[in-house]
Amino acid sequence: MQMEMPSPSGEELKAARLKTGLSQVEAAALMGYPVQTGSRGGLQSRTWQALESTGDPRNMPGPVFALFQLLTGTHAEFVLVKSDFTPAANAAQLPTD
């Protein structure tokens, strides 16, 4: 099964973030992007700012954007479901030779 995972434009990424109600810093922290103290003392993510910028050539990779949508419950087709699956517990249930 081939899944379409296009990279979002800066405008699309910003709209997706605003839909979730997250700030740039919260979204960056969720996705593991660096967050640092800005010149006025508050936190910022220059990486996330660049990804949302229309003047910056960098775009978030499509699979990373799909993960952002899954983690925030905004994906158009799929949702994450918490599972009781644990590798150790399931390994104990495997037949032994």
PDB file of N, CA and C in Angstrom:
ATOM      1  N   MET A   1       0.846  -1.167   0.000  1.00  0.00           N
ATOM      2  CA  MET A   1       0.000   0.000   0.000  1.00  0.00           C
ATOM      3  C   MET A   1       0.897   1.238   0.000  1.00  0.00           C
ATOM      4  N   GLN A   2       0.730   2.078  -0.969  1.00  0.00           N
ATOM      5  CA  GLN A   2       1.487   3.327  -1.078  1.00  0.00           C
ATOM      6  C   GLN A   2       0.684   4.446  -0.448  1.00  0.00           C
ATOM      7  N   MET A   3       1.321   5.187   0.458  1.00  0.00           N
ATOM      8  CA  MET A   3       0.657   6.304   1.114  1.00  0.00           C
ATOM      9  C   MET A   3       1.235   7.608   0.599  1.00  0.00           C
ATOM     10  N   GLU A   4       0.366   8.540   0.300  1.00  0.00           N
ATOM     11  CA  GLU A   4       0.800   9.877  -0.079  1.00  0.00           C
ATOM     12  C   GLU A   4       1.174  10.634   1.187  1.00  0.00           C
ATOM     13  N   MET A   5       2.377  11.174   1.228  1.00  0.00           N
ATOM     14  CA  MET A   5       2.820  11.969   2.372  1.00  0.00           C
ATOM     15  C   MET A   5       3.583  13.184   1.857  1.00  0.00           C
ATOM     16  N   PRO A   6       2.862  14.124   1.257  1.00  0.00           N
ATOM     17  CA  PRO A   6       3.542  15.303   0.717  1.00  0.00           C
ATOM     18  C   PRO A   6       4.047  16.232   1.816  1.00  0.00           C
ATOM     19  N   SER A   7       5.122  16.934   1.509  1.00  0.00           N
ATOM     20  CA  SER A   7       5.632  17.957   2.423  1.00  0.00           C
ATOM     21  C   SER A   7       4.679  19.138   2.412  1.00  0.00           C
ATOM     22  N   PRO A   8       4.348  19.679   3.584  1.00  0.00           N
ATOM     23  CA  PRO A   8       3.464  20.835   3.615  1.00  0.00           C
ATOM     24  C   PRO A   8       4.232  22.120   3.289  1.00  0.00           C
ATOM     25  N   SER A   9       3.537  23.062   2.695  1.00  0.00           N
ATOM     26  CA  SER A   9       4.121  24.395   2.535  1.00  0.00           C
ATOM     27  C   SER A   9       4.148  25.040   3.915  1.00  0.00           C
ATOM     28  N   GLY A  10       4.840  26.164   4.032  1.00  0.00           N
ATOM     29  CA  GLY A  10       4.867  26.885   5.302  1.00  0.00           C
ATOM     30  C   GLY A  10       3.475  27.273   5.767  1.00  0.00           C
ATOM     31  N   GLU A  11       2.637  27.696   4.803  1.00  0.00           N
ATOM     32  CA  GLU A  11       1.263  28.087   5.149  1.00  0.00           C
ATOM     33  C   GLU A  11       0.447  26.896   5.630  1.00  0.00           C
ATOM     34  N   GLU A  12       0.628  25.749   4.980  1.00  0.00           N
ATOM     35  CA  GLU A  12      -0.106  24.542   5.381  1.00  0.00           C
ATOM     36  C   GLU A  12       0.316  24.076   6.769  1.00  0.00           C
ATOM     37  N   LEU A  13       1.616  24.157   7.048  1.00  0.00           N
ATOM     38  CA  LEU A  13       2.101  23.751   8.365  1.00  0.00           C
ATOM     39  C   LEU A  13       1.561  24.680   9.447  1.00  0.00           C
ATOM     40  N   LYS A  14       1.580  25.979   9.180  1.00  0.00           N
ATOM     41  CA  LYS A  14       1.060  26.935  10.150  1.00  0.00           C
ATOM     42  C   LYS A  14      -0.427  26.699  10.402  1.00  0.00           C
ATOM     43  N   ALA A  15      -1.196  26.477   9.335  1.00  0.00           N
ATOM     44  CA  ALA A  15      -2.633  26.220   9.483  1.00  0.00           C
ATOM     45  C   ALA A  15      -2.871  24.950  10.295  1.00  0.00           C
ATOM     46  N   ALA A  16      -2.069  23.915  10.055  1.00  0.00           N
ATOM     47  CA  ALA A  16      -2.210  22.660  10.798  1.00  0.00           C
ATOM     48  C   ALA A  16      -1.898  22.874  12.276  1.00  0.00           C
ATOM     49  N   ARG A  17      -0.850  23.661  12.557  1.00  0.00           N
ATOM     50  CA  ARG A  17      -0.492  23.940  13.952  1.00  0.00           C
ATOM     51  C   ARG A  17      -1.579  24.745  14.640  1.00  0.00           C
ATOM     52  N   LEU A  18      -2.070  25.784  13.970  1.00  0.00           N
ATOM     53  CA  LEU A  18      -3.118  26.615  14.567  1.00  0.00           C
ATOM     54  C   LEU A  18      -4.390  25.810  14.826  1.00  0.00           C
ATOM     55  N   LYS A  19      -4.676  24.853  13.949  1.00  0.00           N
ATOM     56  CA  LYS A  19      -5.849  23.987  14.125  1.00  0.00           C
ATOM     57  C   LYS A  19      -5.754  23.187  15.426  1.00  0.00           C
ATOM     58  N   THR A  20      -4.537  22.868  15.832  1.00  0.00           N
ATOM     59  CA  THR A  20      -4.340  22.090  17.058  1.00  0.00           C
ATOM     60  C   THR A  20      -4.341  22.961  18.308  1.00  0.00           C
ATOM     61  N   GLY A  21      -4.178  24.284  18.120  1.00  0.00           N
ATOM     62  CA  GLY A  21      -4.103  25.187  19.255  1.00  0.00           C
ATOM     63  C   GLY A  21      -2.733  25.238  19.898  1.00  0.00           C
ATOM     64  N   LEU A  22      -1.725  24.674  19.237  1.00  0.00           N
ATOM     65  CA  LEU A  22      -0.374  24.670  19.785  1.00  0.00           C
ATOM     66  C   LEU A  22       0.388  25.918  19.362  1.00  0.00           C
ATOM     67  N   SER A  23       1.260  26.381  20.241  1.00  0.00           N
ATOM     68  CA  SER A  23       2.184  27.447  19.865  1.00  0.00           C
ATOM     69  C   SER A  23       3.313  26.827  19.040  1.00  0.00           C
ATOM     70  N   GLN A  24       4.139  27.660  18.443  1.00  0.00           N
ATOM     71  CA  GLN A  24       5.294  27.138  17.709  1.00  0.00           C
ATOM     72  C   GLN A  24       6.218  26.352  18.637  1.00  0.00           C
ATOM     73  N   VAL A  25       6.409  26.844  19.836  1.00  0.00           N
ATOM     74  CA  VAL A  25       7.294  26.176  20.800  1.00  0.00           C
ATOM     75  C   VAL A  25       6.709  24.820  21.197  1.00  0.00           C
ATOM     76  N   GLU A  26       5.422  24.766  21.461  1.00  0.00           N
ATOM     77  CA  GLU A  26       4.785  23.498  21.845  1.00  0.00           C
ATOM     78  C   GLU A  26       4.855  22.485  20.706  1.00  0.00           C
ATOM     79  N   ALA A  27       4.602  22.947  19.488  1.00  0.00           N
ATOM     80  CA  ALA A  27       4.659  22.053  18.326  1.00  0.00           C
ATOM     81  C   ALA A  27       6.085  21.551  18.111  1.00  0.00           C
ATOM     82  N   ALA A  28       7.050  22.451  18.234  1.00  0.00           N
ATOM     83  CA  ALA A  28       8.449  22.061  18.055  1.00  0.00           C
ATOM     84  C   ALA A  28       8.861  21.030  19.105  1.00  0.00           C
ATOM     85  N   ALA A  29       8.483  21.255  20.350  1.00  0.00           N
ATOM     86  CA  ALA A  29       8.830  20.321  21.424  1.00  0.00           C
ATOM     87  C   ALA A  29       8.178  18.957  21.180  1.00  0.00           C
ATOM     88  N   LEU A  30       6.935  18.950  20.734  1.00  0.00           N
ATOM     89  CA  LEU A  30       6.236  17.701  20.442  1.00  0.00           C
ATOM     90  C   LEU A  30       6.984  16.886  19.396  1.00  0.00           C
ATOM     91  N   MET A  31       7.530  17.577  18.387  1.00  0.00           N
ATOM     92  CA  MET A  31       8.180  16.890  17.277  1.00  0.00           C
ATOM     93  C   MET A  31       9.693  16.730  17.458  1.00  0.00           C
ATOM     94  N   GLY A  32      10.219  17.183  18.594  1.00  0.00           N
ATOM     95  CA  GLY A  32      11.637  16.991  18.867  1.00  0.00           C
ATOM     96  C   GLY A  32      12.550  18.009  18.212  1.00  0.00           C
ATOM     97  N   TYR A  33      11.996  19.122  17.753  1.00  0.00           N
ATOM     98  CA  TYR A  33      12.826  20.183  17.193  1.00  0.00           C
ATOM     99  C   TYR A  33      13.402  21.020  18.334  1.00  0.00           C
ATOM    100  N   PRO A  34      14.559  21.637  18.130  1.00  0.00           N
ATOM    101  CA  PRO A  34      15.174  22.421  19.203  1.00  0.00           C
ATOM    102  C   PRO A  34      14.325  23.621  19.617  1.00  0.00           C
ATOM    103  N   VAL A  35      14.325  23.875  20.903  1.00  0.00           N
ATOM    104  CA  VAL A  35      13.664  25.039  21.491  1.00  0.00           C
ATOM    105  C   VAL A  35      14.738  25.742  22.310  1.00  0.00           C
ATOM    106  N   GLN A  36      14.838  27.054  22.154  1.00  0.00           N
ATOM    107  CA  GLN A  36      15.845  27.804  22.872  1.00  0.00           C
ATOM    108  C   GLN A  36      15.268  29.108  23.402  1.00  0.00           C
ATOM    109  N   THR A  37      16.017  29.736  24.292  1.00  0.00           N
ATOM    110  CA  THR A  37      15.615  31.033  24.836  1.00  0.00           C
ATOM    111  C   THR A  37      15.884  32.101  23.789  1.00  0.00           C
ATOM    112  N   GLY A  38      14.870  32.916  23.522  1.00  0.00           N
ATOM    113  CA  GLY A  38      15.007  33.985  22.545  1.00  0.00           C
ATOM    114  C   GLY A  38      15.656  35.221  23.135  1.00  0.00           C
ATOM    115  N   SER A  39      15.838  36.235  22.315  1.00  0.00           N
ATOM    116  CA  SER A  39      16.525  37.455  22.743  1.00  0.00           C
ATOM    117  C   SER A  39      15.739  38.227  23.800  1.00  0.00           C
ATOM    118  N   ARG A  40      14.442  38.015  23.870  1.00  0.00           N
ATOM    119  CA  ARG A  40      13.613  38.711  24.877  1.00  0.00           C
ATOM    120  C   ARG A  40      13.306  37.835  26.082  1.00  0.00           C
ATOM    121  N   GLY A  41      13.980  36.687  26.169  1.00  0.00           N
ATOM    122  CA  GLY A  41      13.830  35.831  27.330  1.00  0.00           C
ATOM    123  C   GLY A  41      12.826  34.707  27.189  1.00  0.00           C
ATOM    124  N   GLY A  42      11.900  34.817  26.254  1.00  0.00           N
ATOM    125  CA  GLY A  42      10.923  33.749  26.058  1.00  0.00           C
ATOM    126  C   GLY A  42      11.509  32.613  25.236  1.00  0.00           C
ATOM    127  N   LEU A  43      10.796  31.503  25.191  1.00  0.00           N
ATOM    128  CA  LEU A  43      11.249  30.368  24.394  1.00  0.00           C
ATOM    129  C   LEU A  43      10.854  30.554  22.942  1.00  0.00           C
ATOM    130  N   GLN A  44      11.646  29.975  22.049  1.00  0.00           N
ATOM    131  CA  GLN A  44      11.340  30.014  20.629  1.00  0.00           C
ATOM    132  C   GLN A  44      11.939  28.786  19.953  1.00  0.00           C
ATOM    133  N   SER A  45      11.455  28.500  18.770  1.00  0.00           N
ATOM    134  CA  SER A  45      12.046  27.455  17.951  1.00  0.00           C
ATOM    135  C   SER A  45      12.325  28.054  16.576  1.00  0.00           C
ATOM    136  N   ARG A  46      13.581  28.344  16.344  1.00  0.00           N
ATOM    137  CA  ARG A  46      13.954  28.906  15.044  1.00  0.00           C
ATOM    138  C   ARG A  46      13.700  27.908  13.925  1.00  0.00           C
ATOM    139  N   THR A  47      13.857  26.630  14.231  1.00  0.00           N
ATOM    140  CA  THR A  47      13.600  25.613  13.218  1.00  0.00           C
ATOM    141  C   THR A  47      12.136  25.638  12.807  1.00  0.00           C
ATOM    142  N   TRP A  48      11.232  25.649  13.783  1.00  0.00           N
ATOM    143  CA  TRP A  48       9.804  25.656  13.458  1.00  0.00           C
ATOM    144  C   TRP A  48       9.428  26.944  12.736  1.00  0.00           C
ATOM    145  N   GLN A  49      10.001  28.058  13.177  1.00  0.00           N
ATOM    146  CA  GLN A  49       9.743  29.337  12.508  1.00  0.00           C
ATOM    147  C   GLN A  49      10.136  29.250  11.039  1.00  0.00           C
ATOM    148  N   ALA A  50      11.290  28.648  10.770  1.00  0.00           N
ATOM    149  CA  ALA A  50      11.756  28.507   9.385  1.00  0.00           C
ATOM    150  C   ALA A  50      10.829  27.606   8.580  1.00  0.00           C
ATOM    151  N   LEU A  51      10.348  26.530   9.199  1.00  0.00           N
ATOM    152  CA  LEU A  51       9.461  25.605   8.486  1.00  0.00           C
ATOM    153  C   LEU A  51       8.133  26.270   8.115  1.00  0.00           C
ATOM    154  N   GLU A  52       7.671  27.204   8.944  1.00  0.00           N
ATOM    155  CA  GLU A  52       6.429  27.915   8.659  1.00  0.00           C
ATOM    156  C   GLU A  52       6.634  29.128   7.754  1.00  0.00           C
ATOM    157  N   SER A  53       7.856  29.532   7.569  1.00  0.00           N
ATOM    158  CA  SER A  53       8.152  30.739   6.799  1.00  0.00           C
ATOM    159  C   SER A  53       7.922  30.519   5.299  1.00  0.00           C
ATOM    160  N   THR A  54       7.335  31.515   4.662  1.00  0.00           N
ATOM    161  CA  THR A  54       7.156  31.436   3.209  1.00  0.00           C
ATOM    162  C   THR A  54       8.441  31.812   2.479  1.00  0.00           C
ATOM    163  N   GLY A  55       9.358  32.481   3.163  1.00  0.00           N
ATOM    164  CA  GLY A  55      10.594  32.904   2.532  1.00  0.00           C
ATOM    165  C   GLY A  55      11.748  31.944   2.720  1.00  0.00           C
ATOM    166  N   ASP A  56      11.548  30.885   3.478  1.00  0.00           N
ATOM    167  CA  ASP A  56      12.606  29.916   3.733  1.00  0.00           C
ATOM    168  C   ASP A  56      12.376  28.690   2.846  1.00  0.00           C
ATOM    169  N   PRO A  57      13.410  28.188   2.178  1.00  0.00           N
ATOM    170  CA  PRO A  57      13.214  27.052   1.266  1.00  0.00           C
ATOM    171  C   PRO A  57      12.997  25.706   1.962  1.00  0.00           C
ATOM    172  N   ARG A  58      13.240  25.643   3.275  1.00  0.00           N
ATOM    173  CA  ARG A  58      13.076  24.365   3.986  1.00  0.00           C
ATOM    174  C   ARG A  58      11.597  24.043   4.185  1.00  0.00           C
ATOM    175  N   ASN A  59      11.259  22.786   4.019  1.00  0.00           N
ATOM    176  CA  ASN A  59       9.912  22.288   4.301  1.00  0.00           C
ATOM    177  C   ASN A  59      10.028  21.088   5.215  1.00  0.00           C
ATOM    178  N   MET A  60       9.005  20.869   6.016  1.00  0.00           N
ATOM    179  CA  MET A  60       8.957  19.680   6.856  1.00  0.00           C
ATOM    180  C   MET A  60       8.775  18.468   5.934  1.00  0.00           C
ATOM    181  N   PRO A  61       9.555  17.404   6.132  1.00  0.00           N
ATOM    182  CA  PRO A  61       9.357  16.201   5.320  1.00  0.00           C
ATOM    183  C   PRO A  61       7.942  15.632   5.506  1.00  0.00           C
ATOM    184  N   GLY A  62       7.386  15.095   4.443  1.00  0.00           N
ATOM    185  CA  GLY A  62       6.025  14.569   4.473  1.00  0.00           C
ATOM    186  C   GLY A  62       5.759  13.555   5.574  1.00  0.00           C
ATOM    187  N   PRO A  63       6.634  12.555   5.761  1.00  0.00           N
ATOM    188  CA  PRO A  63       6.387  11.588   6.838  1.00  0.00           C
ATOM    189  C   PRO A  63       6.400  12.230   8.229  1.00  0.00           C
ATOM    190  N   VAL A  64       7.210  13.251   8.435  1.00  0.00           N
ATOM    191  CA  VAL A  64       7.239  13.949   9.728  1.00  0.00           C
ATOM    192  C   VAL A  64       5.929  14.719   9.916  1.00  0.00           C
ATOM    193  N   PHE A  65       5.437  15.331   8.845  1.00  0.00           N
ATOM    194  CA  PHE A  65       4.162  16.038   8.916  1.00  0.00           C
ATOM    195  C   PHE A  65       3.022  15.064   9.212  1.00  0.00           C
ATOM    196  N   ALA A  66       3.063  13.888   8.592  1.00  0.00           N
ATOM    197  CA  ALA A  66       2.035  12.881   8.870  1.00  0.00           C
ATOM    198  C   ALA A  66       2.072  12.477  10.343  1.00  0.00           C
ATOM    199  N   LEU A  67       3.265  12.337  10.907  1.00  0.00           N
ATOM    200  CA  LEU A  67       3.382  12.012  12.334  1.00  0.00           C
ATOM    201  C   LEU A  67       2.819  13.138  13.186  1.00  0.00           C
ATOM    202  N   PHE A  68       3.105  14.392  12.828  1.00  0.00           N
ATOM    203  CA  PHE A  68       2.541  15.531  13.551  1.00  0.00           C
ATOM    204  C   PHE A  68       1.020  15.449  13.541  1.00  0.00           C
ATOM    205  N   GLN A  69       0.446  15.162  12.384  1.00  0.00           N
ATOM    206  CA  GLN A  69      -1.015  15.052  12.282  1.00  0.00           C
ATOM    207  C   GLN A  69      -1.538  13.891  13.122  1.00  0.00           C
ATOM    208  N   LEU A  70      -0.844  12.773  13.119  1.00  0.00           N
ATOM    209  CA  LEU A  70      -1.276  11.634  13.928  1.00  0.00           C
ATOM    210  C   LEU A  70      -1.196  11.959  15.420  1.00  0.00           C
ATOM    211  N   LEU A  71      -0.104  12.573  15.838  1.00  0.00           N
ATOM    212  CA  LEU A  71       0.073  12.892  17.257  1.00  0.00           C
ATOM    213  C   LEU A  71      -0.929  13.926  17.756  1.00  0.00           C
ATOM    214  N   THR A  72      -1.391  14.796  16.857  1.00  0.00           N
ATOM    215  CA  THR A  72      -2.343  15.835  17.256  1.00  0.00           C
ATOM    216  C   THR A  72      -3.784  15.478  16.907  1.00  0.00           C
ATOM    217  N   GLY A  73      -4.009  14.291  16.368  1.00  0.00           N
ATOM    218  CA  GLY A  73      -5.363  13.848  16.044  1.00  0.00           C
ATOM    219  C   GLY A  73      -6.003  14.592  14.887  1.00  0.00           C
ATOM    220  N   THR A  74      -5.194  15.112  13.976  1.00  0.00           N
ATOM    221  CA  THR A  74      -5.739  15.891  12.861  1.00  0.00           C
ATOM    222  C   THR A  74      -5.519  15.236  11.502  1.00  0.00           C
ATOM    223  N   HIS A  75      -5.024  14.003  11.468  1.00  0.00           N
ATOM    224  CA  HIS A  75      -4.803  13.324  10.185  1.00  0.00           C
ATOM    225  C   HIS A  75      -6.146  13.034   9.528  1.00  0.00           C
ATOM    226  N   ALA A  76      -6.219  13.208   8.217  1.00  0.00           N
ATOM    227  CA  ALA A  76      -7.479  13.056   7.484  1.00  0.00           C
ATOM    228  C   ALA A  76      -7.969  11.612   7.418  1.00  0.00           C
ATOM    229  N   GLU A  77      -7.061  10.641   7.480  1.00  0.00           N
ATOM    230  CA  GLU A  77      -7.466   9.240   7.306  1.00  0.00           C
ATOM    231  C   GLU A  77      -7.211   8.344   8.508  1.00  0.00           C
ATOM    232  N   PHE A  78      -6.165   8.616   9.266  1.00  0.00           N
ATOM    233  CA  PHE A  78      -5.724   7.684  10.293  1.00  0.00           C
ATOM    234  C   PHE A  78      -5.712   8.308  11.682  1.00  0.00           C
ATOM    235  N   VAL A  79      -5.813   7.458  12.690  1.00  0.00           N
ATOM    236  CA  VAL A  79      -5.695   7.885  14.083  1.00  0.00           C
ATOM    237  C   VAL A  79      -4.750   6.924  14.797  1.00  0.00           C
ATOM    238  N   LEU A  80      -4.094   7.424  15.814  1.00  0.00           N
ATOM    239  CA  LEU A  80      -3.280   6.562  16.654  1.00  0.00           C
ATOM    240  C   LEU A  80      -4.169   5.933  17.710  1.00  0.00           C
ATOM    241  N   VAL A  81      -3.919   4.685  17.995  1.00  0.00           N
ATOM    242  CA  VAL A  81      -4.670   3.979  19.023  1.00  0.00           C
ATOM    243  C   VAL A  81      -3.668   3.376  19.990  1.00  0.00           C
ATOM    244  N   LYS A  82      -3.859   3.657  21.255  1.00  0.00           N
ATOM    245  CA  LYS A  82      -2.955   3.099  22.252  1.00  0.00           C
ATOM    246  C   LYS A  82      -3.207   1.603  22.358  1.00  0.00           C
ATOM    247  N   SER A  83      -2.134   0.869  22.379  1.00  0.00           N
ATOM    248  CA  SER A  83      -2.219  -0.583  22.419  1.00  0.00           C
ATOM    249  C   SER A  83      -1.628  -1.104  23.719  1.00  0.00           C
ATOM    250  N   ASP A  84      -2.076  -2.265  24.129  1.00  0.00           N
ATOM    251  CA  ASP A  84      -1.488  -2.927  25.288  1.00  0.00           C
ATOM    252  C   ASP A  84      -0.279  -3.762  24.877  1.00  0.00           C
ATOM    253  N   PHE A  85       0.090  -3.687  23.608  1.00  0.00           N
ATOM    254  CA  PHE A  85       1.204  -4.467  23.085  1.00  0.00           C
ATOM    255  C   PHE A  85       2.506  -4.055  23.743  1.00  0.00           C
ATOM    256  N   THR A  86       3.212  -5.025  24.249  1.00  0.00           N
ATOM    257  CA  THR A  86       4.576  -4.818  24.717  1.00  0.00           C
ATOM    258  C   THR A  86       5.407  -5.975  24.182  1.00  0.00           C
ATOM    259  N   PRO A  87       6.541  -5.701  23.613  1.00  0.00           N
ATOM    260  CA  PRO A  87       7.344  -6.780  23.036  1.00  0.00           C
ATOM    261  C   PRO A  87       7.639  -7.904  24.015  1.00  0.00           C
ATOM    262  N   ALA A  88       7.961  -7.579  25.263  1.00  0.00           N
ATOM    263  CA  ALA A  88       8.306  -8.616  26.243  1.00  0.00           C
ATOM    264  C   ALA A  88       7.108  -9.513  26.541  1.00  0.00           C
ATOM    265  N   ALA A  89       5.928  -8.918  26.723  1.00  0.00           N
ATOM    266  CA  ALA A  89       4.733  -9.707  27.032  1.00  0.00           C
ATOM    267  C   ALA A  89       4.343 -10.589  25.856  1.00  0.00           C
ATOM    268  N   ASN A  90       4.458 -10.069  24.656  1.00  0.00           N
ATOM    269  CA  ASN A  90       4.092 -10.855  23.491  1.00  0.00           C
ATOM    270  C   ASN A  90       5.128 -11.918  23.179  1.00  0.00           C
ATOM    271  N   ALA A  91       6.387 -11.677  23.492  1.00  0.00           N
ATOM    272  CA  ALA A  91       7.407 -12.693  23.287  1.00  0.00           C
ATOM    273  C   ALA A  91       7.170 -13.894  24.186  1.00  0.00           C
ATOM    274  N   ALA A  92       6.640 -13.641  25.381  1.00  0.00           N
ATOM    275  CA  ALA A  92       6.356 -14.731  26.307  1.00  0.00           C
ATOM    276  C   ALA A  92       5.250 -15.637  25.785  1.00  0.00           C
ATOM    277  N   GLN A  93       4.419 -15.118  24.885  1.00  0.00           N
ATOM    278  CA  GLN A  93       3.304 -15.899  24.351  1.00  0.00           C
ATOM    279  C   GLN A  93       3.690 -16.691  23.109  1.00  0.00           C
ATOM    280  N   LEU A  94       4.887 -16.441  22.565  1.00  0.00           N
ATOM    281  CA  LEU A  94       5.313 -17.155  21.363  1.00  0.00           C
ATOM    282  C   LEU A  94       5.646 -18.600  21.713  1.00  0.00           C
ATOM    283  N   PRO A  95       5.307 -19.524  20.804  1.00  0.00           N
ATOM    284  CA  PRO A  95       5.650 -20.928  21.068  1.00  0.00           C
ATOM    285  C   PRO A  95       7.164 -21.120  21.043  1.00  0.00           C
ATOM    286  N   THR A  96       7.641 -21.999  21.885  1.00  0.00           N
ATOM    287  CA  THR A  96       9.064 -22.331  21.911  1.00  0.00           C
ATOM    288  C   THR A  96       9.274 -23.662  21.229  1.00  0.00           C
ATOM    289  N   ASP A  97      10.443 -23.844  20.671  1.00  0.00           N
ATOM    290  CA  ASP A  97      10.737 -25.128  19.968  1.00  0.00           C
ATOM    291  C   ASP A  97      11.117 -26.211  20.907  1.00  0.00           C
TER     292      ASP A  97
END
